[in-house]
Amino acid sequence: MTKTTKKNVLPEKWQNATKAIKATQVAFDMDEKIQYQIRRQALEQGLSPSDQIRHILGLPCSKRPKRPRLTVSLNQQDYELLAQKYSLESSQQLEIKKIVVDELISFAKKNEQ
């Protein structure tokens, strides 16, 4: 019988993530109109595009509620441009993020139909 060493045991909070680690993300190249329809239906049903695809394929979807959020990847040059726009230092990323959120909210409210 072998003794389990501490270094071979995952922390408890990571043990549930092992299934996700084994999953493979699959990308589908298809016509923009098809992609738009799937994304629109997902939005109307309060689903992510990924969950909408799982629903269409008859696969189980996560039941846990997801935080509604938008994401964008920002590199250092982006932070420098935004810092200049907002009269901040590029190192003030949290302040930049707060202003960006306010700008996105203003955009959405201005474009409500």
N, C-alpha and C. Protein backbone atom coordinates (compact mmCIF):
# COMPACT_ATOMS: atom_id res chain seq x y z
N MET A 1 0.85 -1.18 0.00
CA MET A 1 0.00 0.00 0.00
C MET A 1 0.89 1.23 0.00
N THR A 2 0.64 2.15 -0.96
CA THR A 2 1.47 3.34 -1.02
C THR A 2 0.86 4.47 -0.22
N LYS A 3 1.70 5.25 0.32
CA LYS A 3 1.28 6.37 1.14
C LYS A 3 1.10 7.60 0.23
N THR A 4 -0.04 8.30 0.35
CA THR A 4 -0.28 9.49 -0.44
C THR A 4 0.47 10.65 0.18
N THR A 5 1.26 11.30 -0.64
CA THR A 5 1.98 12.47 -0.14
C THR A 5 1.15 13.72 -0.37
N LYS A 6 1.43 14.72 0.40
CA LYS A 6 0.68 15.97 0.30
C LYS A 6 0.80 16.60 -1.09
N LYS A 7 1.95 16.47 -1.73
CA LYS A 7 2.14 17.12 -3.02
C LYS A 7 1.32 16.46 -4.13
N ASN A 8 0.80 15.26 -3.93
CA ASN A 8 -0.02 14.59 -4.94
C ASN A 8 -1.51 14.89 -4.80
N VAL A 9 -1.92 15.58 -3.76
CA VAL A 9 -3.33 15.86 -3.51
C VAL A 9 -3.65 17.30 -3.92
N LEU A 10 -4.68 17.43 -4.75
CA LEU A 10 -5.12 18.77 -5.16
C LEU A 10 -5.83 19.45 -4.00
N PRO A 11 -5.70 20.77 -3.89
CA PRO A 11 -6.49 21.48 -2.88
C PRO A 11 -7.97 21.22 -3.12
N GLU A 12 -8.73 21.17 -2.05
CA GLU A 12 -10.16 20.83 -2.14
C GLU A 12 -10.90 21.72 -3.13
N LYS A 13 -10.60 23.02 -3.13
CA LYS A 13 -11.32 23.94 -4.01
C LYS A 13 -11.02 23.68 -5.49
N TRP A 14 -9.93 22.96 -5.82
CA TRP A 14 -9.58 22.67 -7.20
C TRP A 14 -10.07 21.29 -7.64
N GLN A 15 -10.47 20.44 -6.70
CA GLN A 15 -10.84 19.07 -7.05
C GLN A 15 -12.04 19.02 -7.99
N ASN A 16 -13.00 19.94 -7.83
CA ASN A 16 -14.17 19.95 -8.70
C ASN A 16 -13.84 20.45 -10.10
N ALA A 17 -12.71 21.11 -10.27
CA ALA A 17 -12.33 21.66 -11.56
C ALA A 17 -11.68 20.62 -12.46
N THR A 18 -11.38 19.44 -11.94
CA THR A 18 -10.68 18.44 -12.76
C THR A 18 -11.50 18.01 -13.97
N LYS A 19 -12.83 17.98 -13.86
CA LYS A 19 -13.67 17.64 -15.01
C LYS A 19 -13.55 18.71 -16.08
N ALA A 20 -13.55 19.96 -15.66
CA ALA A 20 -13.44 21.06 -16.63
C ALA A 20 -12.09 21.05 -17.32
N ILE A 21 -11.07 20.65 -16.62
CA ILE A 21 -9.73 20.59 -17.21
C ILE A 21 -9.70 19.59 -18.35
N LYS A 22 -10.47 18.51 -18.21
CA LYS A 22 -10.47 17.46 -19.22
C LYS A 22 -11.33 17.82 -20.43
N ALA A 23 -12.17 18.86 -20.34
CA ALA A 23 -13.02 19.27 -21.46
C ALA A 23 -12.19 19.96 -22.53
N THR A 24 -12.63 19.84 -23.76
CA THR A 24 -11.96 20.48 -24.88
C THR A 24 -12.91 21.47 -25.52
N GLN A 25 -12.46 22.70 -25.69
CA GLN A 25 -13.29 23.70 -26.34
C GLN A 25 -13.29 23.45 -27.84
N VAL A 26 -14.47 23.49 -28.44
CA VAL A 26 -14.62 23.23 -29.86
C VAL A 26 -15.16 24.51 -30.51
N ALA A 27 -14.51 24.97 -31.57
CA ALA A 27 -14.96 26.15 -32.30
C ALA A 27 -15.61 25.71 -33.60
N PHE A 28 -16.70 26.38 -33.96
CA PHE A 28 -17.41 26.06 -35.18
C PHE A 28 -17.33 27.24 -36.14
N ASP A 29 -16.82 26.99 -37.35
CA ASP A 29 -16.80 28.01 -38.39
C ASP A 29 -18.07 27.85 -39.21
N MET A 30 -18.92 28.87 -39.17
CA MET A 30 -20.15 28.81 -39.95
C MET A 30 -20.54 30.22 -40.36
N ASP A 31 -21.49 30.31 -41.24
CA ASP A 31 -21.97 31.57 -41.78
C ASP A 31 -22.33 32.55 -40.64
N GLU A 32 -22.03 33.82 -40.86
CA GLU A 32 -22.30 34.85 -39.85
C GLU A 32 -23.77 34.92 -39.49
N LYS A 33 -24.66 34.69 -40.46
CA LYS A 33 -26.10 34.75 -40.19
C LYS A 33 -26.51 33.65 -39.22
N ILE A 34 -25.92 32.48 -39.37
CA ILE A 34 -26.21 31.35 -38.47
C ILE A 34 -25.70 31.69 -37.06
N GLN A 35 -24.46 32.18 -36.99
CA GLN A 35 -23.89 32.56 -35.69
C GLN A 35 -24.74 33.63 -35.02
N TYR A 36 -25.18 34.60 -35.80
CA TYR A 36 -26.02 35.68 -35.25
C TYR A 36 -27.31 35.11 -34.68
N GLN A 37 -27.96 34.20 -35.41
CA GLN A 37 -29.22 33.60 -34.93
C GLN A 37 -29.02 32.86 -33.61
N ILE A 38 -27.95 32.09 -33.53
CA ILE A 38 -27.69 31.32 -32.30
C ILE A 38 -27.41 32.28 -31.15
N ARG A 39 -26.59 33.29 -31.39
CA ARG A 39 -26.29 34.27 -30.32
C ARG A 39 -27.54 35.04 -29.90
N ARG A 40 -28.37 35.44 -30.88
CA ARG A 40 -29.59 36.19 -30.57
C ARG A 40 -30.54 35.35 -29.74
N GLN A 41 -30.73 34.09 -30.14
CA GLN A 41 -31.61 33.20 -29.38
C GLN A 41 -31.07 32.99 -27.97
N ALA A 42 -29.76 32.85 -27.85
CA ALA A 42 -29.16 32.67 -26.53
C ALA A 42 -29.44 33.89 -25.66
N LEU A 43 -29.24 35.07 -26.23
CA LEU A 43 -29.48 36.31 -25.49
C LEU A 43 -30.94 36.40 -25.05
N GLU A 44 -31.86 36.10 -25.95
CA GLU A 44 -33.28 36.17 -25.64
C GLU A 44 -33.67 35.17 -24.55
N GLN A 45 -32.96 34.04 -24.47
CA GLN A 45 -33.27 33.02 -23.46
C GLN A 45 -32.42 33.17 -22.21
N GLY A 46 -31.56 34.19 -22.17
CA GLY A 46 -30.71 34.40 -21.00
C GLY A 46 -29.61 33.36 -20.87
N LEU A 47 -29.17 32.83 -22.00
CA LEU A 47 -28.13 31.81 -21.99
C LEU A 47 -26.85 32.35 -22.62
N SER A 48 -25.74 31.71 -22.33
CA SER A 48 -24.51 32.01 -23.05
C SER A 48 -24.61 31.31 -24.40
N PRO A 49 -23.87 31.78 -25.41
CA PRO A 49 -23.89 31.06 -26.70
C PRO A 49 -23.49 29.60 -26.53
N SER A 50 -22.54 29.32 -25.64
CA SER A 50 -22.12 27.95 -25.39
C SER A 50 -23.28 27.11 -24.85
N ASP A 51 -24.00 27.64 -23.87
CA ASP A 51 -25.15 26.91 -23.32
C ASP A 51 -26.26 26.75 -24.37
N GLN A 52 -26.42 27.76 -25.24
CA GLN A 52 -27.42 27.65 -26.30
C GLN A 52 -27.07 26.51 -27.25
N ILE A 53 -25.80 26.40 -27.60
CA ILE A 53 -25.35 25.30 -28.47
C ILE A 53 -25.60 23.96 -27.78
N ARG A 54 -25.28 23.86 -26.48
CA ARG A 54 -25.53 22.62 -25.74
C ARG A 54 -27.02 22.30 -25.74
N HIS A 55 -27.86 23.33 -25.57
CA HIS A 55 -29.31 23.14 -25.58
C HIS A 55 -29.78 22.62 -26.94
N ILE A 56 -29.30 23.23 -28.02
CA ILE A 56 -29.67 22.81 -29.38
C ILE A 56 -29.28 21.35 -29.61
N LEU A 57 -28.10 20.96 -29.11
CA LEU A 57 -27.60 19.60 -29.31
C LEU A 57 -28.18 18.59 -28.33
N GLY A 58 -29.00 19.07 -27.38
CA GLY A 58 -29.60 18.16 -26.41
C GLY A 58 -28.64 17.73 -25.32
N LEU A 59 -27.59 18.52 -25.10
CA LEU A 59 -26.61 18.21 -24.04
C LEU A 59 -27.01 18.92 -22.75
N PRO A 60 -26.62 18.37 -21.61
CA PRO A 60 -26.95 19.04 -20.35
C PRO A 60 -26.22 20.38 -20.24
N CYS A 61 -26.90 21.32 -19.59
CA CYS A 61 -26.32 22.65 -19.35
C CYS A 61 -26.17 22.85 -17.85
N SER A 62 -25.24 23.68 -17.50
CA SER A 62 -25.01 23.99 -16.10
C SER A 62 -26.24 24.66 -15.51
N LYS A 63 -26.65 24.21 -14.35
CA LYS A 63 -27.82 24.78 -13.68
C LYS A 63 -27.46 25.97 -12.79
N ARG A 64 -26.18 26.10 -12.49
CA ARG A 64 -25.79 27.17 -11.59
C ARG A 64 -25.91 28.52 -12.30
N PRO A 65 -26.40 29.52 -11.61
CA PRO A 65 -26.53 30.84 -12.23
C PRO A 65 -25.16 31.43 -12.55
N LYS A 66 -25.10 32.10 -13.67
CA LYS A 66 -23.85 32.73 -14.06
C LYS A 66 -23.96 34.23 -13.84
N ARG A 67 -22.82 34.81 -13.48
CA ARG A 67 -22.82 36.26 -13.35
C ARG A 67 -22.91 36.86 -14.75
N PRO A 68 -23.88 37.75 -14.95
CA PRO A 68 -23.93 38.39 -16.26
C PRO A 68 -22.76 39.37 -16.38
N ARG A 69 -21.94 39.18 -17.38
CA ARG A 69 -20.81 40.07 -17.55
C ARG A 69 -20.38 40.09 -19.00
N LEU A 70 -19.74 41.17 -19.35
CA LEU A 70 -19.13 41.31 -20.66
C LEU A 70 -17.63 41.29 -20.46
N THR A 71 -16.93 40.78 -21.45
CA THR A 71 -15.48 40.74 -21.32
C THR A 71 -14.83 41.34 -22.55
N VAL A 72 -13.65 41.87 -22.34
CA VAL A 72 -12.81 42.36 -23.42
C VAL A 72 -11.37 42.17 -22.96
N SER A 73 -10.50 41.83 -23.88
CA SER A 73 -9.08 41.68 -23.54
C SER A 73 -8.39 43.01 -23.78
N LEU A 74 -7.71 43.50 -22.75
CA LEU A 74 -6.97 44.76 -22.85
C LEU A 74 -5.50 44.49 -22.64
N ASN A 75 -4.67 44.96 -23.55
CA ASN A 75 -3.23 44.84 -23.37
C ASN A 75 -2.68 46.16 -22.81
N GLN A 76 -1.39 46.20 -22.59
CA GLN A 76 -0.79 47.38 -21.99
C GLN A 76 -1.01 48.63 -22.85
N GLN A 77 -0.93 48.47 -24.15
CA GLN A 77 -1.16 49.62 -25.04
C GLN A 77 -2.59 50.13 -24.91
N ASP A 78 -3.56 49.21 -24.76
CA ASP A 78 -4.96 49.62 -24.56
C ASP A 78 -5.09 50.43 -23.29
N TYR A 79 -4.45 49.95 -22.20
CA TYR A 79 -4.51 50.69 -20.94
C TYR A 79 -3.87 52.07 -21.08
N GLU A 80 -2.81 52.16 -21.86
CA GLU A 80 -2.16 53.45 -22.07
C GLU A 80 -3.08 54.40 -22.83
N LEU A 81 -3.77 53.89 -23.85
CA LEU A 81 -4.71 54.72 -24.61
C LEU A 81 -5.89 55.17 -23.74
N LEU A 82 -6.43 54.24 -22.96
CA LEU A 82 -7.54 54.58 -22.07
C LEU A 82 -7.10 55.55 -20.98
N ALA A 83 -5.92 55.34 -20.46
CA ALA A 83 -5.40 56.25 -19.43
C ALA A 83 -5.28 57.66 -19.98
N GLN A 84 -4.79 57.77 -21.19
CA GLN A 84 -4.68 59.09 -21.82
C GLN A 84 -6.07 59.69 -22.02
N LYS A 85 -7.01 58.88 -22.48
CA LYS A 85 -8.38 59.34 -22.71
C LYS A 85 -9.02 59.87 -21.42
N TYR A 86 -8.76 59.18 -20.30
CA TYR A 86 -9.38 59.51 -19.02
C TYR A 86 -8.49 60.35 -18.11
N SER A 87 -7.36 60.79 -18.61
CA SER A 87 -6.40 61.59 -17.84
C SER A 87 -5.94 60.87 -16.57
N LEU A 88 -5.56 59.62 -16.75
CA LEU A 88 -5.05 58.80 -15.65
C LEU A 88 -3.70 58.21 -16.06
N GLU A 89 -3.08 57.49 -15.13
CA GLU A 89 -1.87 56.73 -15.42
C GLU A 89 -2.30 55.32 -15.85
N SER A 90 -1.56 54.72 -16.75
CA SER A 90 -1.92 53.38 -17.23
C SER A 90 -1.89 52.33 -16.12
N SER A 91 -1.15 52.62 -15.05
CA SER A 91 -1.10 51.69 -13.92
C SER A 91 -2.36 51.73 -13.07
N GLN A 92 -3.23 52.70 -13.28
CA GLN A 92 -4.47 52.84 -12.51
C GLN A 92 -5.59 52.01 -13.15
N GLN A 93 -5.33 50.72 -13.30
CA GLN A 93 -6.24 49.85 -14.04
C GLN A 93 -7.62 49.74 -13.40
N LEU A 94 -7.71 49.72 -12.09
CA LEU A 94 -9.01 49.62 -11.44
C LEU A 94 -9.84 50.88 -11.71
N GLU A 95 -9.22 52.04 -11.64
CA GLU A 95 -9.92 53.29 -11.92
C GLU A 95 -10.36 53.34 -13.38
N ILE A 96 -9.48 52.86 -14.27
CA ILE A 96 -9.83 52.81 -15.69
C ILE A 96 -11.03 51.90 -15.89
N LYS A 97 -11.04 50.74 -15.23
CA LYS A 97 -12.15 49.80 -15.35
C LYS A 97 -13.46 50.43 -14.88
N LYS A 98 -13.42 51.17 -13.79
CA LYS A 98 -14.64 51.83 -13.28
C LYS A 98 -15.18 52.83 -14.29
N ILE A 99 -14.28 53.60 -14.91
CA ILE A 99 -14.72 54.59 -15.90
C ILE A 99 -15.27 53.90 -17.14
N VAL A 100 -14.62 52.81 -17.55
CA VAL A 100 -15.10 52.05 -18.70
C VAL A 100 -16.51 51.52 -18.44
N VAL A 101 -16.75 50.99 -17.24
CA VAL A 101 -18.10 50.50 -16.89
C VAL A 101 -19.10 51.63 -17.01
N ASP A 102 -18.77 52.81 -16.48
CA ASP A 102 -19.67 53.96 -16.58
C ASP A 102 -19.93 54.35 -18.04
N GLU A 103 -18.88 54.29 -18.85
CA GLU A 103 -19.03 54.64 -20.27
C GLU A 103 -19.92 53.62 -20.98
N LEU A 104 -19.77 52.34 -20.67
CA LEU A 104 -20.60 51.31 -21.28
C LEU A 104 -22.06 51.45 -20.85
N ILE A 105 -22.29 51.77 -19.58
CA ILE A 105 -23.66 51.99 -19.08
C ILE A 105 -24.28 53.17 -19.80
N SER A 106 -23.53 54.26 -19.94
CA SER A 106 -24.05 55.44 -20.65
C SER A 106 -24.38 55.10 -22.10
N PHE A 107 -23.51 54.33 -22.74
CA PHE A 107 -23.75 53.92 -24.12
C PHE A 107 -25.05 53.13 -24.22
N ALA A 108 -25.23 52.16 -23.32
CA ALA A 108 -26.42 51.31 -23.36
C ALA A 108 -27.69 52.12 -23.12
N LYS A 109 -27.65 53.01 -22.15
CA LYS A 109 -28.83 53.82 -21.85
C LYS A 109 -29.18 54.76 -23.00
N LYS A 110 -28.16 55.31 -23.64
CA LYS A 110 -28.38 56.22 -24.76
C LYS A 110 -28.96 55.47 -25.96
N ASN A 111 -28.65 54.18 -26.09
CA ASN A 111 -29.09 53.41 -27.24
C ASN A 111 -30.29 52.51 -26.96
N GLU A 112 -30.94 52.71 -25.79
CA GLU A 112 -32.15 51.92 -25.50
C GLU A 112 -33.24 52.28 -26.49
N GLN A 113 -34.02 51.30 -26.83
CA GLN A 113 -35.10 51.56 -27.80
C GLN A 113 -36.43 51.56 -27.12
